[in-house]
Amino acid sequence: MRFFLVAVLIAVMDQITKWLIILNFSLGERLTVFQPWLHFTYVTNTGAAFGIFPGRAWFFVAFSFIIIAGIVFYNCFYRPALNMRITTALITGGAAGNLIDRLFRSEVVDFIDLGWWPVFNVADSAIFCGAAGLLFFTFIKNKNEAAHE
């Protein structure tokens, strides 16, 4: 249950923030939030992370469906530990948020601009945090298992 709650919450937060940006910004418009580190800049992306592979929305739609289905299957049938459910829920919610954009806009809305990093969104942040957590918990688990052998 927590898995689905977190995943849906991430996807909804992602869509709400993108909707607010679309309503209040023109494409390319930038607002400084905290000089010099944080800006909101409305951009779109038809590719993958950092704009690589532009114009291949069909591939990313299919890939997102496969990733989401695989993670949902894993959580429903293998009942992983809570930390794994939360990290995979972050990835699922983020993938779903960007999938919604690709299905209904044919591009992903990005707006969080740190100046030194490509512009990203809430979904991207969730995917990154989930993947980092997944690696962390996998490493910790493997390290603990090796220590107890």
Protein backbone atom coordinates (compact mmCIF):
# COMPACT_ATOMS: atom_id res chain seq x y z
CA MET A 1 0.00 0.00 0.00
CA ARG A 2 2.83 2.45 0.86
CA PHE A 3 4.41 1.71 -2.50
CA PHE A 4 1.32 2.84 -4.43
CA LEU A 5 0.71 5.81 -2.13
CA VAL A 6 4.25 7.15 -2.60
CA ALA A 7 4.26 6.50 -6.36
CA VAL A 8 0.92 8.26 -6.90
CA LEU A 9 1.92 11.15 -4.62
CA ILE A 10 5.13 11.72 -6.61
CA ALA A 11 3.31 11.59 -9.97
CA VAL A 12 0.62 14.00 -8.73
CA MET A 13 3.16 16.45 -7.24
CA ASP A 14 5.11 16.32 -10.49
CA GLN A 15 2.05 17.08 -12.60
CA ILE A 16 0.85 19.88 -10.30
CA THR A 17 4.22 21.64 -10.38
CA LYS A 18 4.42 21.31 -14.18
CA TRP A 19 0.87 22.62 -14.53
CA LEU A 20 1.76 25.65 -12.39
CA ILE A 21 4.82 26.34 -14.54
CA ILE A 22 2.84 26.02 -17.79
CA LEU A 23 0.15 28.39 -16.48
CA ASN A 24 2.52 31.03 -15.13
CA PHE A 25 5.56 31.00 -17.44
CA SER A 26 6.23 31.45 -21.12
CA LEU A 27 8.47 28.85 -22.71
CA GLY A 28 12.07 29.86 -21.95
CA GLU A 29 11.08 32.30 -19.19
CA ARG A 30 13.31 32.28 -16.10
CA LEU A 31 12.61 33.36 -12.53
CA THR A 32 15.38 33.62 -9.97
CA VAL A 33 14.25 31.98 -6.75
CA PHE A 34 17.48 32.02 -4.77
CA GLN A 35 20.37 33.86 -6.42
CA PRO A 36 22.67 32.40 -7.73
CA TRP A 37 21.73 28.75 -7.05
CA LEU A 38 18.08 28.21 -7.88
CA HIS A 39 15.94 29.40 -10.76
CA PHE A 40 12.71 28.24 -12.34
CA THR A 41 13.16 28.07 -16.11
CA TYR A 42 10.37 26.67 -18.29
CA VAL A 43 11.85 24.36 -20.90
CA THR A 44 10.69 21.19 -22.64
CA ASN A 45 12.53 18.03 -23.54
CA THR A 46 11.57 15.49 -26.22
CA GLY A 47 14.42 13.16 -25.30
CA ALA A 48 15.78 11.39 -22.25
CA ALA A 49 17.70 12.81 -19.31
CA PHE A 50 19.79 15.87 -20.19
CA GLY A 51 18.07 16.07 -23.58
CA ILE A 52 19.88 13.07 -25.07
CA PHE A 53 18.12 11.15 -27.85
CA PRO A 54 15.63 13.93 -28.74
CA GLY A 55 12.48 13.10 -30.68
CA ARG A 56 12.20 9.46 -29.65
CA ALA A 57 9.09 9.79 -27.48
CA TRP A 58 7.69 6.42 -28.62
CA PHE A 59 10.80 4.66 -27.27
CA PHE A 60 10.59 6.42 -23.90
CA VAL A 61 6.86 5.72 -23.64
CA ALA A 62 7.46 2.00 -24.22
CA PHE A 63 10.50 1.96 -21.92
CA SER A 64 8.55 3.73 -19.14
CA PHE A 65 5.68 1.25 -19.38
CA ILE A 66 8.10 -1.67 -19.11
CA ILE A 67 9.96 -0.17 -16.12
CA ILE A 68 6.74 0.73 -14.30
CA ALA A 69 5.20 -2.71 -14.95
CA GLY A 70 8.36 -4.48 -13.79
CA ILE A 71 8.60 -2.49 -10.57
CA VAL A 72 4.89 -2.91 -9.79
CA PHE A 73 5.20 -6.68 -10.41
CA TYR A 74 8.26 -6.84 -8.14
CA ASN A 75 6.49 -4.98 -5.33
CA CYS A 76 3.26 -6.97 -5.60
CA PHE A 77 4.73 -10.46 -5.81
CA TYR A 78 8.05 -10.29 -3.95
CA ARG A 79 7.07 -8.02 -1.04
CA PRO A 80 10.47 -6.37 -0.58
CA ALA A 81 11.58 -4.59 2.59
CA LEU A 82 10.11 -1.15 3.27
CA ASN A 83 13.23 0.71 2.16
CA MET A 84 13.13 -1.07 -1.21
CA ARG A 85 9.40 -0.39 -1.60
CA ILE A 86 9.93 3.33 -0.97
CA THR A 87 12.91 3.65 -3.32
CA THR A 88 11.15 1.75 -6.10
CA ALA A 89 8.02 3.84 -5.51
CA LEU A 90 10.05 7.01 -6.07
CA ILE A 91 11.31 5.61 -9.38
CA THR A 92 7.82 4.48 -10.39
CA GLY A 93 6.18 7.80 -9.50
CA GLY A 94 8.86 9.74 -11.34
CA ALA A 95 8.63 7.51 -14.40
CA ALA A 96 4.84 7.87 -14.34
CA GLY A 97 5.06 11.68 -14.07
CA ASN A 98 7.31 11.94 -17.12
CA LEU A 99 5.26 9.28 -18.95
CA ILE A 100 2.12 11.41 -18.52
CA ASP A 101 3.96 14.31 -20.16
CA ARG A 102 5.12 12.17 -23.06
CA LEU A 103 1.64 10.74 -23.63
CA PHE A 104 -0.27 14.03 -23.46
CA ARG A 105 2.32 16.64 -24.52
CA SER A 106 4.85 14.59 -26.57
CA GLU A 107 7.55 16.27 -24.46
CA VAL A 108 8.55 16.55 -20.82
CA VAL A 109 8.23 19.85 -18.95
CA ASP A 110 11.35 20.78 -16.96
CA PHE A 111 11.77 23.83 -14.75
CA ILE A 112 14.18 23.36 -11.82
CA ASP A 113 17.34 25.17 -12.89
CA LEU A 114 20.48 25.10 -10.77
CA GLY A 115 22.50 26.92 -13.40
CA TRP A 116 25.30 24.36 -13.51
CA TRP A 117 23.13 21.28 -14.19
CA PRO A 118 20.59 20.58 -16.95
CA VAL A 119 17.07 21.78 -16.09
CA PHE A 120 14.95 19.03 -14.49
CA ASN A 121 11.62 18.44 -12.71
CA VAL A 122 10.08 16.75 -9.67
CA ALA A 123 9.82 13.41 -11.50
CA ASP A 124 13.50 13.49 -12.42
CA SER A 125 14.37 14.26 -8.79
CA ALA A 126 12.30 11.32 -7.58
CA ILE A 127 13.90 8.96 -10.09
CA PHE A 128 17.37 10.11 -9.05
CA CYS A 129 16.64 9.80 -5.31
CA GLY A 130 15.00 6.41 -5.81
CA ALA A 131 17.90 5.09 -7.87
CA ALA A 132 20.45 6.45 -5.38
CA GLY A 133 18.49 4.85 -2.51
CA LEU A 134 18.21 1.59 -4.38
CA LEU A 135 21.97 1.49 -4.91
CA PHE A 136 22.62 2.49 -1.31
CA PHE A 137 20.33 -0.15 0.20
CA THR A 138 21.59 -2.81 -2.19
CA PHE A 139 25.19 -1.98 -1.24
CA ILE A 140 24.40 -1.95 2.50
CA LYS A 141 22.50 -5.24 2.24
CA ASN A 142 25.31 -6.93 0.32
CA LYS A 143 27.92 -5.56 2.73
CA ASN A 144 25.95 -6.80 5.77
CA GLU A 145 25.38 -10.21 4.23
CA ALA A 146 29.10 -10.56 3.43
CA ALA A 147 30.02 -9.57 7.00
CA HIS A 148 27.74 -12.27 8.46
CA GLU A 149 29.07 -15.13 6.35
